């Protein structure tokens, strides 16, 4: 019997610079815990898409770079919105993931069995 994680065919959308709408340090901490638990439980999604303020998490200086790198090393596609990177002037500072466009994000969403927005 095939025993696949319930979110193996899911896509997670990260549109904020953390999780929730609290102080930035708490948002970072909550998202780090969430991502750590995904890794520990082996419940990894097919992809994580970053757009709007979410792109700030994949660039130089982000407190989540190490965790995101661990997730990427486990085969999860990290798709980053190029329009958002350009808007914030962060294109040259990307440290994890692949820079794509809205067509890449849309494709990931349409292939997914489930889309989770954080």
C-alpha atoms as a PDB file:
ATOM      1  CA  UNK A   1       0.000   0.000   0.000  1.00  0.00           C
ATOM      2  CA  UNK A   2       1.279   3.454  -0.925  1.00  0.00           C
ATOM      3  CA  UNK A   3       1.572   5.638   2.184  1.00  0.00           C
ATOM      4  CA  UNK A   4       1.944   9.225   0.993  1.00  0.00           C
ATOM      5  CA  UNK A   5       1.763  12.339   3.167  1.00  0.00           C
ATOM      6  CA  UNK A   6      -1.693  13.968   3.051  1.00  0.00           C
ATOM      7  CA  UNK A   7      -0.144  17.199   1.770  1.00  0.00           C
ATOM      8  CA  UNK A   8       2.340  15.673  -0.688  1.00  0.00           C
ATOM      9  CA  UNK A   9       0.183  16.983  -3.541  1.00  0.00           C
ATOM     10  CA  UNK A  10      -0.437  20.340  -1.869  1.00  0.00           C
ATOM     11  CA  UNK A  11       0.953  23.791  -2.555  1.00  0.00           C
ATOM     12  CA  UNK A  12       1.533  26.274   0.230  1.00  0.00           C
ATOM     13  CA  UNK A  13       1.205  29.976  -0.583  1.00  0.00           C
ATOM     14  CA  UNK A  14       3.204  32.402   1.521  1.00  0.00           C
ATOM     15  CA  UNK A  15       2.083  35.975   0.924  1.00  0.00           C
ATOM     16  CA  UNK A  16       3.342  37.613   4.111  1.00  0.00           C
ATOM     17  CA  UNK A  17       6.741  38.035   5.671  1.00  0.00           C
ATOM     18  CA  UNK A  18       5.866  35.350   8.204  1.00  0.00           C
ATOM     19  CA  UNK A  19       2.743  33.692   9.587  1.00  0.00           C
ATOM     20  CA  UNK A  20      -0.206  35.659  10.903  1.00  0.00           C
ATOM     21  CA  UNK A  21      -0.420  39.395  11.407  1.00  0.00           C
ATOM     22  CA  UNK A  22       1.474  39.926  14.660  1.00  0.00           C
ATOM     23  CA  UNK A  23       4.858  41.513  15.362  1.00  0.00           C
ATOM     24  CA  UNK A  24       7.467  40.524  12.732  1.00  0.00           C
ATOM     25  CA  UNK A  25       9.516  38.472  15.202  1.00  0.00           C
ATOM     26  CA  UNK A  26       6.442  36.426  16.170  1.00  0.00           C
ATOM     27  CA  UNK A  27       5.432  35.969  12.515  1.00  0.00           C
ATOM     28  CA  UNK A  28       8.921  34.616  11.737  1.00  0.00           C
ATOM     29  CA  UNK A  29       8.905  32.335  14.773  1.00  0.00           C
ATOM     30  CA  UNK A  30       5.485  30.874  13.964  1.00  0.00           C
ATOM     31  CA  UNK A  31       6.404  30.170  10.351  1.00  0.00           C
ATOM     32  CA  UNK A  32       9.724  28.637  11.398  1.00  0.00           C
ATOM     33  CA  UNK A  33       7.911  26.289  13.804  1.00  0.00           C
ATOM     34  CA  UNK A  34       5.363  25.385  11.114  1.00  0.00           C
ATOM     35  CA  UNK A  35       8.073  24.598   8.564  1.00  0.00           C
ATOM     36  CA  UNK A  36      10.155  22.673  11.116  1.00  0.00           C
ATOM     37  CA  UNK A  37       7.157  20.505  11.967  1.00  0.00           C
ATOM     38  CA  UNK A  38       6.544  19.790   8.280  1.00  0.00           C
ATOM     39  CA  UNK A  39      10.154  18.604   8.009  1.00  0.00           C
ATOM     40  CA  UNK A  40      10.029  16.528  11.201  1.00  0.00           C
ATOM     41  CA  UNK A  41       6.752  14.861  10.242  1.00  0.00           C
ATOM     42  CA  UNK A  42       7.797  14.271   6.647  1.00  0.00           C
ATOM     43  CA  UNK A  43       4.640  16.090   5.593  1.00  0.00           C
ATOM     44  CA  UNK A  44       6.156  18.108   2.802  1.00  0.00           C
ATOM     45  CA  UNK A  45       4.121  19.797   0.073  1.00  0.00           C
ATOM     46  CA  UNK A  46       4.947  19.607  -3.620  1.00  0.00           C
ATOM     47  CA  UNK A  47       5.745  23.321  -3.704  1.00  0.00           C
ATOM     48  CA  UNK A  48       5.768  26.520  -1.697  1.00  0.00           C
ATOM     49  CA  UNK A  49       5.006  29.706  -3.617  1.00  0.00           C
ATOM     50  CA  UNK A  50       6.164  33.097  -2.385  1.00  0.00           C
ATOM     51  CA  UNK A  51       4.622  36.336  -3.570  1.00  0.00           C
ATOM     52  CA  UNK A  52       3.910  39.867  -2.318  1.00  0.00           C
ATOM     53  CA  UNK A  53       5.719  40.306   1.040  1.00  0.00           C
ATOM     54  CA  UNK A  54       6.417  36.569   1.163  1.00  0.00           C
ATOM     55  CA  UNK A  55       9.353  37.017  -1.222  1.00  0.00           C
ATOM     56  CA  UNK A  56      11.250  38.756   1.579  1.00  0.00           C
ATOM     57  CA  UNK A  57      11.660  35.354   3.260  1.00  0.00           C
ATOM     58  CA  UNK A  58      13.842  33.857   0.506  1.00  0.00           C
ATOM     59  CA  UNK A  59      16.415  36.621   0.276  1.00  0.00           C
ATOM     60  CA  UNK A  60      19.674  37.479   1.989  1.00  0.00           C
ATOM     61  CA  UNK A  61      19.086  38.403   5.631  1.00  0.00           C
ATOM     62  CA  UNK A  62      15.887  36.382   6.075  1.00  0.00           C
ATOM     63  CA  UNK A  63      15.735  34.554   9.417  1.00  0.00           C
ATOM     64  CA  UNK A  64      14.134  31.572   7.639  1.00  0.00           C
ATOM     65  CA  UNK A  65      16.790  30.883   4.993  1.00  0.00           C
ATOM     66  CA  UNK A  66      18.231  27.837   6.749  1.00  0.00           C
ATOM     67  CA  UNK A  67      14.818  26.214   7.254  1.00  0.00           C
ATOM     68  CA  UNK A  68      13.765  26.955   3.685  1.00  0.00           C
ATOM     69  CA  UNK A  69      17.044  25.542   2.394  1.00  0.00           C
ATOM     70  CA  UNK A  70      16.394  22.318   4.340  1.00  0.00           C
ATOM     71  CA  UNK A  71      12.952  22.065   2.774  1.00  0.00           C
ATOM     72  CA  UNK A  72      14.310  22.711  -0.713  1.00  0.00           C
ATOM     73  CA  UNK A  73      16.972  20.017  -0.183  1.00  0.00           C
ATOM     74  CA  UNK A  74      14.162  17.552   0.551  1.00  0.00           C
ATOM     75  CA  UNK A  75      12.736  18.137  -2.941  1.00  0.00           C
ATOM     76  CA  UNK A  76      10.105  20.810  -2.358  1.00  0.00           C
ATOM     77  CA  UNK A  77       9.970  23.392  -5.144  1.00  0.00           C
ATOM     78  CA  UNK A  78      10.220  26.938  -3.799  1.00  0.00           C
ATOM     79  CA  UNK A  79       8.719  29.219  -6.449  1.00  0.00           C
ATOM     80  CA  UNK A  80       9.321  32.951  -6.087  1.00  0.00           C
ATOM     81  CA  UNK A  81       7.388  35.666  -7.918  1.00  0.00           C
ATOM     82  CA  UNK A  82       9.761  37.631 -10.156  1.00  0.00           C
ATOM     83  CA  UNK A  83       7.370  40.598 -10.375  1.00  0.00           C
ATOM     84  CA  UNK A  84       7.370  40.912  -6.576  1.00  0.00           C
ATOM     85  CA  UNK A  85      11.159  40.589  -6.359  1.00  0.00           C
ATOM     86  CA  UNK A  86      11.536  43.346  -8.952  1.00  0.00           C
ATOM     87  CA  UNK A  87       9.007  45.534  -7.143  1.00  0.00           C
ATOM     88  CA  UNK A  88      10.941  45.300  -3.870  1.00  0.00           C
ATOM     89  CA  UNK A  89      14.365  45.473  -5.582  1.00  0.00           C
ATOM     90  CA  UNK A  90      15.327  42.033  -4.218  1.00  0.00           C
ATOM     91  CA  UNK A  91      16.071  40.059  -7.389  1.00  0.00           C
ATOM     92  CA  UNK A  92      19.826  39.945  -6.777  1.00  0.00           C
ATOM     93  CA  UNK A  93      19.390  38.887  -3.135  1.00  0.00           C
ATOM     94  CA  UNK A  94      17.531  35.568  -3.655  1.00  0.00           C
ATOM     95  CA  UNK A  95      19.277  32.757  -1.737  1.00  0.00           C
ATOM     96  CA  UNK A  96      16.848  29.818  -2.059  1.00  0.00           C
ATOM     97  CA  UNK A  97      14.244  28.674  -4.542  1.00  0.00           C
ATOM     98  CA  UNK A  98      13.654  29.359  -8.199  1.00  0.00           C
ATOM     99  CA  UNK A  99      12.578  32.700  -9.559  1.00  0.00           C
ATOM    100  CA  UNK A 100       9.474  32.254 -11.645  1.00  0.00           C
ATOM    101  CA  UNK A 101       6.456  34.214 -12.646  1.00  0.00           C
ATOM    102  CA  UNK A 102       2.758  34.132 -12.067  1.00  0.00           C
ATOM    103  CA  UNK A 103       2.389  31.406 -14.742  1.00  0.00           C
ATOM    104  CA  UNK A 104       4.639  29.136 -12.612  1.00  0.00           C
ATOM    105  CA  UNK A 105       2.613  29.862  -9.478  1.00  0.00           C
ATOM    106  CA  UNK A 106      -0.647  29.294 -11.343  1.00  0.00           C
ATOM    107  CA  UNK A 107       0.628  25.993 -12.741  1.00  0.00           C
ATOM    108  CA  UNK A 108       1.645  24.795  -9.263  1.00  0.00           C
ATOM    109  CA  UNK A 109      -1.798  25.708  -7.928  1.00  0.00           C
ATOM    110  CA  UNK A 110      -3.729  24.014 -10.713  1.00  0.00           C
ATOM    111  CA  UNK A 111      -1.709  20.787 -10.369  1.00  0.00           C
ATOM    112  CA  UNK A 112      -2.185  20.721  -6.604  1.00  0.00           C
ATOM    113  CA  UNK A 113      -4.776  18.594  -4.877  1.00  0.00           C
ATOM    114  CA  UNK A 114      -4.919  21.201  -2.126  1.00  0.00           C
ATOM    115  CA  UNK A 115      -3.787  24.844  -1.813  1.00  0.00           C
ATOM    116  CA  UNK A 116      -2.922  26.157   1.653  1.00  0.00           C
ATOM    117  CA  UNK A 117      -2.480  29.888   2.219  1.00  0.00           C
ATOM    118  CA  UNK A 118      -0.490  31.023   5.241  1.00  0.00           C
END
